[in-house]
N, C-alpha and C. Protein backbone atom coordinates (compact mmCIF):
# COMPACT_ATOMS: atom_id res chain seq x y z
N UNK A 1 0.82 -1.19 0.00
CA UNK A 1 0.00 0.00 0.00
C UNK A 1 0.87 1.26 0.00
N UNK A 2 1.92 1.25 0.82
CA UNK A 2 2.80 2.41 0.90
C UNK A 2 3.56 2.61 -0.41
N UNK A 3 3.98 1.53 -1.06
CA UNK A 3 4.68 1.63 -2.34
C UNK A 3 3.78 2.23 -3.41
N UNK A 4 2.53 1.89 -3.39
CA UNK A 4 1.59 2.42 -4.38
C UNK A 4 1.40 3.93 -4.18
N UNK A 5 1.31 4.37 -2.92
CA UNK A 5 1.16 5.80 -2.64
C UNK A 5 2.41 6.57 -3.05
N UNK A 6 3.58 5.98 -2.81
CA UNK A 6 4.82 6.63 -3.21
C UNK A 6 4.89 6.75 -4.73
N UNK A 7 4.48 5.73 -5.41
CA UNK A 7 4.48 5.74 -6.88
C UNK A 7 3.57 6.85 -7.43
N UNK A 8 2.41 7.02 -6.84
CA UNK A 8 1.48 8.05 -7.27
C UNK A 8 2.04 9.43 -6.96
N UNK A 9 2.64 9.60 -5.79
CA UNK A 9 3.20 10.90 -5.42
C UNK A 9 4.40 11.27 -6.28
N UNK A 10 5.19 10.29 -6.67
CA UNK A 10 6.38 10.55 -7.48
C UNK A 10 6.04 10.97 -8.91
N UNK A 11 4.85 10.65 -9.37
CA UNK A 11 4.46 11.05 -10.73
C UNK A 11 4.39 12.58 -10.86
N UNK A 12 3.91 13.26 -9.81
CA UNK A 12 3.78 14.70 -9.85
C UNK A 12 4.99 15.44 -9.33
N UNK A 13 5.96 14.72 -8.83
CA UNK A 13 7.13 15.35 -8.26
C UNK A 13 8.06 15.83 -9.36
N UNK A 14 8.56 17.04 -9.19
CA UNK A 14 9.46 17.62 -10.17
C UNK A 14 10.86 17.62 -9.58
N UNK A 15 11.79 17.03 -10.28
CA UNK A 15 13.17 16.94 -9.80
C UNK A 15 14.04 17.82 -10.68
N UNK A 16 14.67 18.80 -10.08
CA UNK A 16 15.62 19.65 -10.78
C UNK A 16 16.97 19.53 -10.09
N UNK A 17 17.94 19.10 -10.81
CA UNK A 17 19.29 19.07 -10.29
C UNK A 17 20.10 20.07 -11.08
N UNK A 18 20.62 21.07 -10.40
CA UNK A 18 21.41 22.09 -11.06
C UNK A 18 22.88 21.85 -10.74
N UNK A 19 23.73 22.22 -11.65
CA UNK A 19 25.17 22.05 -11.50
C UNK A 19 25.81 23.42 -11.34
N UNK A 20 27.05 23.45 -10.88
CA UNK A 20 27.79 24.69 -10.75
C UNK A 20 27.93 25.31 -12.14
N UNK A 21 27.56 26.57 -12.26
CA UNK A 21 27.61 27.26 -13.53
C UNK A 21 26.27 27.33 -14.25
N UNK A 22 25.25 26.65 -13.73
CA UNK A 22 23.92 26.69 -14.35
C UNK A 22 23.26 28.03 -14.09
N UNK A 23 22.54 28.54 -15.08
CA UNK A 23 21.75 29.75 -14.89
C UNK A 23 20.34 29.33 -14.49
N UNK A 24 19.84 29.97 -13.44
CA UNK A 24 18.52 29.63 -12.90
C UNK A 24 17.73 30.91 -12.68
N UNK A 25 16.42 30.75 -12.59
CA UNK A 25 15.53 31.83 -12.20
C UNK A 25 15.05 31.57 -10.78
N UNK A 26 15.00 32.60 -9.96
CA UNK A 26 14.60 32.47 -8.57
C UNK A 26 13.17 33.00 -8.42
N UNK A 27 12.35 32.26 -7.69
CA UNK A 27 11.01 32.74 -7.39
C UNK A 27 11.15 33.86 -6.35
N UNK A 28 10.93 35.09 -6.81
CA UNK A 28 11.00 36.23 -5.90
C UNK A 28 9.66 36.93 -5.89
N UNK A 29 9.50 37.81 -4.95
CA UNK A 29 8.27 38.57 -4.85
C UNK A 29 8.61 40.06 -4.90
N UNK A 30 9.42 40.41 -5.89
CA UNK A 30 9.86 41.78 -6.06
C UNK A 30 8.85 42.49 -6.96
N UNK A 31 8.53 43.72 -6.62
CA UNK A 31 7.58 44.49 -7.42
C UNK A 31 8.26 44.89 -8.73
N UNK A 32 7.59 44.67 -9.82
CA UNK A 32 8.12 45.00 -11.13
C UNK A 32 7.56 46.34 -11.58
N UNK A 33 8.15 46.88 -12.62
CA UNK A 33 7.71 48.17 -13.13
C UNK A 33 7.12 47.99 -14.51
N UNK A 34 5.81 48.13 -14.62
CA UNK A 34 5.15 48.00 -15.90
C UNK A 34 5.45 49.21 -16.79
N UNK A 35 5.64 50.37 -16.19
CA UNK A 35 5.92 51.58 -16.96
C UNK A 35 7.27 51.48 -17.67
N UNK A 36 8.25 50.90 -17.00
CA UNK A 36 9.58 50.78 -17.61
C UNK A 36 9.71 49.53 -18.46
N UNK A 37 8.73 48.66 -18.43
CA UNK A 37 8.69 47.51 -19.32
C UNK A 37 9.60 46.36 -18.96
N UNK A 38 9.77 46.07 -17.70
CA UNK A 38 10.56 44.91 -17.31
C UNK A 38 9.89 44.19 -16.16
N UNK A 39 10.27 42.95 -15.99
CA UNK A 39 9.82 42.14 -14.88
C UNK A 39 11.07 41.67 -14.15
N UNK A 40 11.27 42.10 -12.93
CA UNK A 40 12.52 41.82 -12.22
C UNK A 40 12.64 40.37 -11.78
N UNK A 41 11.54 39.62 -11.82
CA UNK A 41 11.62 38.23 -11.36
C UNK A 41 12.22 37.30 -12.41
N UNK A 42 12.50 37.80 -13.61
CA UNK A 42 13.05 36.96 -14.65
C UNK A 42 14.53 37.24 -14.91
N UNK A 43 15.24 37.74 -13.93
CA UNK A 43 16.67 37.98 -14.06
C UNK A 43 17.41 36.69 -13.68
N UNK A 44 18.29 36.19 -14.54
CA UNK A 44 18.96 34.92 -14.24
C UNK A 44 20.02 35.07 -13.15
N UNK A 45 20.20 34.01 -12.39
CA UNK A 45 21.24 33.92 -11.38
C UNK A 45 22.13 32.73 -11.71
N UNK A 46 23.28 32.69 -11.11
CA UNK A 46 24.27 31.66 -11.41
C UNK A 46 24.47 30.78 -10.19
N UNK A 47 24.45 29.46 -10.37
CA UNK A 47 24.73 28.52 -9.28
C UNK A 47 26.24 28.45 -9.11
N UNK A 48 26.72 28.83 -7.92
CA UNK A 48 28.17 28.80 -7.68
C UNK A 48 28.60 27.62 -6.82
N UNK A 49 27.67 27.09 -6.03
CA UNK A 49 28.03 25.95 -5.18
C UNK A 49 26.78 25.14 -4.86
N UNK A 50 26.93 23.83 -4.81
CA UNK A 50 25.84 22.94 -4.42
C UNK A 50 26.07 22.59 -2.95
N UNK A 51 25.19 23.06 -2.07
CA UNK A 51 25.34 22.81 -0.63
C UNK A 51 24.85 21.41 -0.30
N UNK A 52 23.62 21.11 -0.69
CA UNK A 52 23.04 19.77 -0.57
C UNK A 52 22.39 19.47 -1.92
N UNK A 53 21.88 18.28 -2.15
CA UNK A 53 21.21 18.03 -3.43
C UNK A 53 20.01 18.94 -3.69
N UNK A 54 19.47 19.59 -2.65
CA UNK A 54 18.31 20.44 -2.81
C UNK A 54 18.57 21.92 -2.54
N UNK A 55 19.76 22.31 -2.13
CA UNK A 55 20.03 23.72 -1.84
C UNK A 55 21.30 24.17 -2.55
N UNK A 56 21.24 25.43 -3.02
CA UNK A 56 22.29 25.95 -3.87
C UNK A 56 22.66 27.37 -3.44
N UNK A 57 23.94 27.72 -3.55
CA UNK A 57 24.38 29.08 -3.32
C UNK A 57 24.36 29.78 -4.66
N UNK A 58 23.70 30.95 -4.71
CA UNK A 58 23.52 31.68 -5.96
C UNK A 58 24.24 33.02 -5.93
N UNK A 59 24.70 33.45 -7.11
CA UNK A 59 25.26 34.78 -7.29
C UNK A 59 24.55 35.44 -8.45
N UNK A 60 24.76 36.72 -8.59
CA UNK A 60 24.21 37.46 -9.71
C UNK A 60 25.11 37.23 -10.91
N UNK A 61 24.54 37.02 -12.08
CA UNK A 61 25.33 36.71 -13.27
C UNK A 61 26.32 37.82 -13.61
N UNK A 62 25.91 39.08 -13.39
CA UNK A 62 26.76 40.20 -13.75
C UNK A 62 27.87 40.43 -12.73
N UNK A 63 27.68 39.95 -11.50
CA UNK A 63 28.68 40.10 -10.44
C UNK A 63 28.90 38.74 -9.79
N UNK A 64 29.75 37.88 -10.38
CA UNK A 64 29.88 36.51 -9.87
C UNK A 64 30.49 36.39 -8.47
N UNK A 65 31.08 37.45 -7.94
CA UNK A 65 31.66 37.37 -6.60
C UNK A 65 30.65 37.77 -5.52
N UNK A 66 29.49 38.25 -5.91
CA UNK A 66 28.48 38.72 -4.95
C UNK A 66 27.45 37.63 -4.70
N UNK A 67 27.53 36.98 -3.56
CA UNK A 67 26.61 35.90 -3.19
C UNK A 67 25.31 36.52 -2.69
N UNK A 68 24.18 36.03 -3.23
CA UNK A 68 22.90 36.57 -2.78
C UNK A 68 22.21 35.67 -1.76
N UNK A 69 22.66 34.42 -1.64
CA UNK A 69 22.07 33.57 -0.61
C UNK A 69 21.99 32.11 -1.02
N UNK A 70 21.46 31.32 -0.09
CA UNK A 70 21.25 29.89 -0.31
C UNK A 70 19.76 29.69 -0.58
N UNK A 71 19.45 29.00 -1.66
CA UNK A 71 18.06 28.79 -2.05
C UNK A 71 17.77 27.31 -2.22
N UNK A 72 16.56 26.92 -1.87
CA UNK A 72 16.11 25.55 -2.03
C UNK A 72 15.76 25.31 -3.49
N UNK A 73 15.91 24.08 -3.96
CA UNK A 73 15.63 23.73 -5.34
C UNK A 73 14.20 23.98 -5.77
N UNK A 74 13.26 23.97 -4.83
CA UNK A 74 11.86 24.23 -5.20
C UNK A 74 11.62 25.69 -5.55
N UNK A 75 12.54 26.59 -5.15
CA UNK A 75 12.42 28.01 -5.49
C UNK A 75 13.14 28.37 -6.78
N UNK A 76 13.72 27.39 -7.46
CA UNK A 76 14.51 27.66 -8.66
C UNK A 76 13.87 27.02 -9.89
N UNK A 77 14.03 27.70 -11.01
CA UNK A 77 13.60 27.19 -12.31
C UNK A 77 14.78 27.27 -13.26
N UNK A 78 14.92 26.32 -14.18
CA UNK A 78 16.01 26.42 -15.15
C UNK A 78 15.81 27.62 -16.06
N UNK A 79 16.90 28.30 -16.38
CA UNK A 79 16.85 29.47 -17.25
C UNK A 79 16.82 29.02 -18.70
N UNK A 80 15.93 29.62 -19.49
CA UNK A 80 15.76 29.19 -20.88
C UNK A 80 16.79 29.78 -21.82
N UNK A 81 17.48 30.83 -21.41
CA UNK A 81 18.51 31.42 -22.25
C UNK A 81 18.16 32.77 -22.82
N UNK A 82 16.93 33.24 -22.66
CA UNK A 82 16.56 34.55 -23.15
C UNK A 82 17.09 35.61 -22.20
N UNK A 83 17.84 36.55 -22.72
CA UNK A 83 18.45 37.58 -21.89
C UNK A 83 17.63 38.87 -21.94
N UNK A 84 17.61 39.58 -20.83
CA UNK A 84 16.98 40.89 -20.76
C UNK A 84 18.06 41.87 -20.29
N UNK A 85 18.84 42.46 -21.20
CA UNK A 85 19.99 43.26 -20.79
C UNK A 85 19.65 44.54 -20.03
N UNK A 86 18.47 45.12 -20.23
CA UNK A 86 18.12 46.37 -19.57
C UNK A 86 17.44 46.17 -18.23
N UNK A 87 17.18 44.95 -17.86
CA UNK A 87 16.45 44.69 -16.61
C UNK A 87 17.37 44.91 -15.42
N UNK A 88 16.90 45.61 -14.39
CA UNK A 88 17.72 45.79 -13.20
C UNK A 88 17.79 44.50 -12.40
N UNK A 89 18.77 44.42 -11.54
CA UNK A 89 18.99 43.24 -10.72
C UNK A 89 18.20 43.40 -9.43
N UNK A 90 17.34 42.45 -9.06
CA UNK A 90 16.59 42.58 -7.81
C UNK A 90 17.54 42.46 -6.62
N UNK A 91 17.45 43.38 -5.70
CA UNK A 91 18.36 43.39 -4.56
C UNK A 91 17.71 42.93 -3.27
N UNK A 92 16.49 42.47 -3.35
CA UNK A 92 15.78 42.05 -2.14
C UNK A 92 15.92 40.53 -2.00
N UNK A 93 16.77 40.05 -1.09
CA UNK A 93 16.86 38.60 -0.89
C UNK A 93 15.63 38.08 -0.17
N UNK A 94 15.42 36.79 -0.26
CA UNK A 94 14.28 36.19 0.44
C UNK A 94 14.49 36.31 1.94
N UNK A 95 13.38 36.52 2.63
CA UNK A 95 13.44 36.69 4.07
C UNK A 95 13.74 35.37 4.75
N UNK A 96 14.61 35.41 5.75
CA UNK A 96 14.90 34.22 6.55
C UNK A 96 13.88 34.16 7.68
N UNK A 97 13.33 32.98 7.87
CA UNK A 97 12.33 32.81 8.93
C UNK A 97 12.94 32.01 10.08
N UNK A 98 12.53 32.36 11.26
CA UNK A 98 12.94 31.57 12.40
C UNK A 98 14.03 32.06 13.15
């Protein structure tokens, strides 16, 4: 019975494994500017270190020495490769709880 439930749950599970150097998008809640024509949540970040299989240290692509924080894999999406050169870099890191 337990194996059947695990099998059903695994069908909907999304597994993303990112490697060092991968470009990812971070789920942020930064306010975007419709007047200036950009969405700040689509700025790519760079994976610089894999802490655990599910958590990654990220930096800004334009400033590879500036670490923005450790993020869980569920908050990351693979970057498709489309660049937005005029988009500003969001400076609001996710809030730490606890």
